[in-house]
Amino acid sequence: MISFFLSISLGICFLMLFSLYRTVFGPTVLDRLIGVNAIGSKTVVLLLLIGFLYERIDMFVDIALAYAFLNFIAVLAASRYFHKRKGLYEESFMD
């Protein structure tokens, strides 16, 4: 059973690379926000899988819930900030 949870964790880490690519090379700020949110969601699942691996799921559920709440609040705050700046849909680099 440990090898199953470990292989699922490695698969999720591999899938996080796609979200990381979207976060770094996203054409718009909205794409980057979605990439960061997807990485945060996958991190919550990874925390739960780590809890299964260490057989301390009760402790890791609390950590995962706190992380999910912080991720949700951070993405909401960032999206509200960029929406107020009117820069949510276009890319602006400071050259």
N, C-alpha and C. Protein backbone atom coordinates (compact mmCIF):
# COMPACT_ATOMS: atom_id res chain seq x y z
N MET A 1 0.82 -1.19 0.00
CA MET A 1 0.00 0.00 0.00
C MET A 1 0.86 1.26 0.00
N ILE A 2 2.02 1.17 0.65
CA ILE A 2 2.91 2.33 0.68
C ILE A 2 3.42 2.66 -0.72
N SER A 3 3.72 1.64 -1.50
CA SER A 3 4.20 1.89 -2.86
C SER A 3 3.11 2.53 -3.72
N PHE A 4 1.85 2.18 -3.46
CA PHE A 4 0.75 2.80 -4.19
C PHE A 4 0.67 4.29 -3.90
N PHE A 5 0.70 4.67 -2.60
CA PHE A 5 0.63 6.08 -2.24
C PHE A 5 1.86 6.84 -2.74
N LEU A 6 3.00 6.19 -2.73
CA LEU A 6 4.22 6.83 -3.21
C LEU A 6 4.16 7.06 -4.71
N SER A 7 3.65 6.09 -5.45
CA SER A 7 3.55 6.27 -6.91
C SER A 7 2.51 7.32 -7.27
N ILE A 8 1.42 7.38 -6.53
CA ILE A 8 0.42 8.43 -6.77
C ILE A 8 1.02 9.80 -6.46
N SER A 9 1.80 9.90 -5.40
CA SER A 9 2.44 11.16 -5.05
C SER A 9 3.41 11.61 -6.12
N LEU A 10 4.18 10.68 -6.64
CA LEU A 10 5.11 11.04 -7.71
C LEU A 10 4.37 11.45 -8.98
N GLY A 11 3.25 10.81 -9.25
CA GLY A 11 2.43 11.21 -10.41
C GLY A 11 1.87 12.61 -10.24
N ILE A 12 1.44 12.95 -9.05
CA ILE A 12 0.93 14.30 -8.81
C ILE A 12 2.04 15.33 -8.93
N CYS A 13 3.23 14.98 -8.45
CA CYS A 13 4.38 15.88 -8.60
C CYS A 13 4.70 16.11 -10.07
N PHE A 14 4.58 15.06 -10.88
CA PHE A 14 4.79 15.21 -12.31
C PHE A 14 3.73 16.12 -12.93
N LEU A 15 2.49 15.96 -12.51
CA LEU A 15 1.42 16.81 -13.03
C LEU A 15 1.56 18.27 -12.59
N MET A 16 2.22 18.47 -11.46
CA MET A 16 2.45 19.84 -11.00
C MET A 16 3.41 20.59 -11.93
N LEU A 17 4.22 19.87 -12.67
CA LEU A 17 5.12 20.52 -13.61
C LEU A 17 4.35 21.26 -14.71
N PHE A 18 3.21 20.72 -15.14
CA PHE A 18 2.39 21.41 -16.13
C PHE A 18 1.83 22.71 -15.59
N SER A 19 1.39 22.68 -14.34
CA SER A 19 0.89 23.90 -13.72
C SER A 19 2.02 24.90 -13.50
N LEU A 20 3.20 24.40 -13.17
CA LEU A 20 4.34 25.29 -12.99
C LEU A 20 4.71 25.95 -14.31
N TYR A 21 4.63 25.20 -15.41
CA TYR A 21 4.89 25.78 -16.72
C TYR A 21 3.90 26.90 -17.02
N ARG A 22 2.62 26.67 -16.71
CA ARG A 22 1.60 27.68 -16.96
C ARG A 22 1.82 28.90 -16.06
N THR A 23 2.31 28.67 -14.86
CA THR A 23 2.56 29.77 -13.94
C THR A 23 3.73 30.63 -14.41
N VAL A 24 4.77 30.01 -14.89
CA VAL A 24 5.96 30.76 -15.29
C VAL A 24 5.79 31.40 -16.66
N PHE A 25 5.24 30.65 -17.63
CA PHE A 25 5.17 31.14 -19.00
C PHE A 25 3.76 31.50 -19.44
N GLY A 26 2.86 31.74 -18.49
CA GLY A 26 1.49 32.08 -18.85
C GLY A 26 1.42 33.37 -19.64
N PRO A 27 0.61 33.41 -20.68
CA PRO A 27 0.55 34.64 -21.46
C PRO A 27 -0.14 35.79 -20.71
N THR A 28 -1.02 35.48 -19.77
CA THR A 28 -1.70 36.54 -19.03
C THR A 28 -1.55 36.30 -17.53
N VAL A 29 -1.88 37.32 -16.78
CA VAL A 29 -1.84 37.21 -15.32
C VAL A 29 -2.88 36.20 -14.84
N LEU A 30 -4.01 36.13 -15.51
CA LEU A 30 -5.06 35.19 -15.14
C LEU A 30 -4.58 33.74 -15.27
N ASP A 31 -3.83 33.45 -16.33
CA ASP A 31 -3.26 32.11 -16.49
C ASP A 31 -2.30 31.79 -15.36
N ARG A 32 -1.54 32.77 -14.94
CA ARG A 32 -0.59 32.54 -13.85
C ARG A 32 -1.30 32.32 -12.53
N LEU A 33 -2.38 33.06 -12.30
CA LEU A 33 -3.16 32.85 -11.07
C LEU A 33 -3.78 31.46 -11.04
N ILE A 34 -4.29 31.02 -12.17
CA ILE A 34 -4.88 29.68 -12.24
C ILE A 34 -3.80 28.62 -12.02
N GLY A 35 -2.61 28.84 -12.57
CA GLY A 35 -1.51 27.89 -12.35
C GLY A 35 -1.11 27.80 -10.89
N VAL A 36 -1.04 28.95 -10.22
CA VAL A 36 -0.69 28.95 -8.80
C VAL A 36 -1.77 28.26 -7.99
N ASN A 37 -3.03 28.49 -8.33
CA ASN A 37 -4.12 27.84 -7.61
C ASN A 37 -4.10 26.33 -7.83
N ALA A 38 -3.78 25.89 -9.03
CA ALA A 38 -3.70 24.45 -9.30
C ALA A 38 -2.55 23.81 -8.53
N ILE A 39 -1.42 24.51 -8.45
CA ILE A 39 -0.30 23.98 -7.66
C ILE A 39 -0.69 23.86 -6.20
N GLY A 40 -1.40 24.86 -5.68
CA GLY A 40 -1.84 24.81 -4.29
C GLY A 40 -2.81 23.68 -4.02
N SER A 41 -3.71 23.43 -4.96
CA SER A 41 -4.67 22.33 -4.80
C SER A 41 -3.98 20.98 -4.82
N LYS A 42 -3.02 20.83 -5.71
CA LYS A 42 -2.28 19.56 -5.76
C LYS A 42 -1.40 19.38 -4.53
N THR A 43 -0.93 20.48 -3.96
CA THR A 43 -0.14 20.40 -2.73
C THR A 43 -0.99 19.90 -1.57
N VAL A 44 -2.25 20.29 -1.53
CA VAL A 44 -3.15 19.81 -0.48
C VAL A 44 -3.32 18.29 -0.59
N VAL A 45 -3.47 17.80 -1.80
CA VAL A 45 -3.59 16.35 -2.00
C VAL A 45 -2.29 15.65 -1.61
N LEU A 46 -1.16 16.26 -1.95
CA LEU A 46 0.12 15.67 -1.56
C LEU A 46 0.28 15.62 -0.05
N LEU A 47 -0.17 16.64 0.65
CA LEU A 47 -0.11 16.62 2.11
C LEU A 47 -0.93 15.47 2.69
N LEU A 48 -2.09 15.23 2.10
CA LEU A 48 -2.92 14.12 2.57
C LEU A 48 -2.25 12.77 2.27
N LEU A 49 -1.62 12.66 1.12
CA LEU A 49 -0.92 11.41 0.80
C LEU A 49 0.28 11.19 1.73
N ILE A 50 0.95 12.26 2.10
CA ILE A 50 2.05 12.14 3.06
C ILE A 50 1.51 11.68 4.41
N GLY A 51 0.32 12.16 4.76
CA GLY A 51 -0.32 11.69 5.99
C GLY A 51 -0.60 10.20 5.96
N PHE A 52 -1.02 9.70 4.80
CA PHE A 52 -1.23 8.25 4.67
C PHE A 52 0.08 7.49 4.76
N LEU A 53 1.13 8.05 4.16
CA LEU A 53 2.42 7.36 4.19
C LEU A 53 2.98 7.27 5.61
N TYR A 54 2.84 8.33 6.38
CA TYR A 54 3.35 8.33 7.75
C TYR A 54 2.34 7.79 8.77
N GLU A 55 1.17 7.41 8.29
CA GLU A 55 0.09 6.89 9.13
C GLU A 55 -0.31 7.88 10.23
N ARG A 56 -0.30 9.15 9.90
CA ARG A 56 -0.72 10.23 10.80
C ARG A 56 -1.69 11.14 10.05
N ILE A 57 -2.72 10.56 9.48
CA ILE A 57 -3.63 11.32 8.64
C ILE A 57 -4.35 12.41 9.43
N ASP A 58 -4.59 12.18 10.73
CA ASP A 58 -5.29 13.18 11.53
C ASP A 58 -4.51 14.49 11.63
N MET A 59 -3.21 14.41 11.75
CA MET A 59 -2.40 15.61 11.83
C MET A 59 -2.30 16.30 10.46
N PHE A 60 -2.12 15.52 9.41
CA PHE A 60 -1.93 16.11 8.09
C PHE A 60 -3.22 16.66 7.50
N VAL A 61 -4.37 16.19 7.95
CA VAL A 61 -5.63 16.78 7.48
C VAL A 61 -5.74 18.22 7.97
N ASP A 62 -5.35 18.46 9.21
CA ASP A 62 -5.38 19.83 9.73
C ASP A 62 -4.44 20.74 8.97
N ILE A 63 -3.25 20.24 8.68
CA ILE A 63 -2.28 21.04 7.92
C ILE A 63 -2.79 21.30 6.51
N ALA A 64 -3.37 20.29 5.88
CA ALA A 64 -3.88 20.44 4.52
C ALA A 64 -5.05 21.43 4.47
N LEU A 65 -5.93 21.38 5.46
CA LEU A 65 -7.04 22.34 5.49
C LEU A 65 -6.55 23.77 5.68
N ALA A 66 -5.58 23.96 6.55
CA ALA A 66 -5.03 25.29 6.76
C ALA A 66 -4.35 25.79 5.48
N TYR A 67 -3.60 24.92 4.81
CA TYR A 67 -2.93 25.31 3.57
C TYR A 67 -3.95 25.63 2.48
N ALA A 68 -5.01 24.84 2.38
CA ALA A 68 -6.03 25.10 1.37
C ALA A 68 -6.72 26.44 1.62
N PHE A 69 -6.99 26.75 2.87
CA PHE A 69 -7.61 28.03 3.21
C PHE A 69 -6.69 29.19 2.85
N LEU A 70 -5.42 29.08 3.19
CA LEU A 70 -4.46 30.15 2.86
C LEU A 70 -4.29 30.30 1.35
N ASN A 71 -4.28 29.20 0.63
CA ASN A 71 -4.17 29.25 -0.82
C ASN A 71 -5.39 29.94 -1.43
N PHE A 72 -6.56 29.60 -0.94
CA PHE A 72 -7.79 30.21 -1.44
C PHE A 72 -7.80 31.72 -1.20
N ILE A 73 -7.44 32.13 0.01
CA ILE A 73 -7.43 33.56 0.35
C ILE A 73 -6.39 34.30 -0.48
N ALA A 74 -5.22 33.70 -0.66
CA ALA A 74 -4.15 34.36 -1.43
C ALA A 74 -4.54 34.55 -2.89
N VAL A 75 -5.16 33.55 -3.49
CA VAL A 75 -5.57 33.67 -4.89
C VAL A 75 -6.70 34.69 -5.03
N LEU A 76 -7.62 34.71 -4.08
CA LEU A 76 -8.67 35.72 -4.12
C LEU A 76 -8.10 37.13 -3.98
N ALA A 77 -7.17 37.31 -3.07
CA ALA A 77 -6.57 38.63 -2.88
C ALA A 77 -5.79 39.07 -4.11
N ALA A 78 -5.03 38.15 -4.70
CA ALA A 78 -4.26 38.50 -5.89
C ALA A 78 -5.17 38.81 -7.07
N SER A 79 -6.23 38.04 -7.24
CA SER A 79 -7.14 38.30 -8.36
C SER A 79 -7.89 39.61 -8.16
N ARG A 80 -8.25 39.93 -6.94
CA ARG A 80 -8.90 41.21 -6.68
C ARG A 80 -7.95 42.38 -6.92
N TYR A 81 -6.69 42.20 -6.53
CA TYR A 81 -5.70 43.24 -6.75
C TYR A 81 -5.51 43.50 -8.25
N PHE A 82 -5.33 42.44 -9.03
CA PHE A 82 -5.12 42.62 -10.46
C PHE A 82 -6.39 43.07 -11.16
N HIS A 83 -7.54 42.72 -10.65
CA HIS A 83 -8.79 43.21 -11.24
C HIS A 83 -8.93 44.71 -11.01
N LYS A 84 -8.56 45.20 -9.84
CA LYS A 84 -8.61 46.63 -9.57
C LYS A 84 -7.59 47.40 -10.40
N ARG A 85 -6.45 46.77 -10.68
CA ARG A 85 -5.43 47.41 -11.51
C ARG A 85 -5.79 47.35 -12.99
N LYS A 86 -6.81 46.64 -13.35
CA LYS A 86 -7.20 46.43 -14.75
C LYS A 86 -6.10 45.71 -15.54
N GLY A 87 -5.35 44.88 -14.86
CA GLY A 87 -4.27 44.16 -15.53
C GLY A 87 -4.46 42.67 -15.48
N LEU A 88 -5.69 42.22 -15.31
CA LEU A 88 -5.93 40.79 -15.16
C LEU A 88 -5.86 40.05 -16.49
N TYR A 89 -6.19 40.72 -17.58
CA TYR A 89 -6.28 40.03 -18.86
C TYR A 89 -5.18 40.37 -19.84
N GLU A 90 -4.35 41.35 -19.54
CA GLU A 90 -3.24 41.65 -20.44
C GLU A 90 -1.93 41.56 -19.67
N GLU A 91 -0.91 41.24 -20.39
CA GLU A 91 0.41 41.07 -19.80
C GLU A 91 1.14 42.41 -19.85
N SER A 92 1.74 42.78 -18.74
CA SER A 92 2.51 44.02 -18.72
C SER A 92 3.84 43.75 -18.05
N PHE A 93 4.90 43.88 -18.82
CA PHE A 93 6.25 43.72 -18.30
C PHE A 93 6.89 45.08 -18.16
N MET A 94 7.65 45.20 -17.11
CA MET A 94 8.40 46.44 -16.90
C MET A 94 9.76 46.26 -17.56
N ASP A 95 9.98 46.89 -18.69
CA ASP A 95 11.26 46.77 -19.41
C ASP A 95 12.16 47.93 -19.10
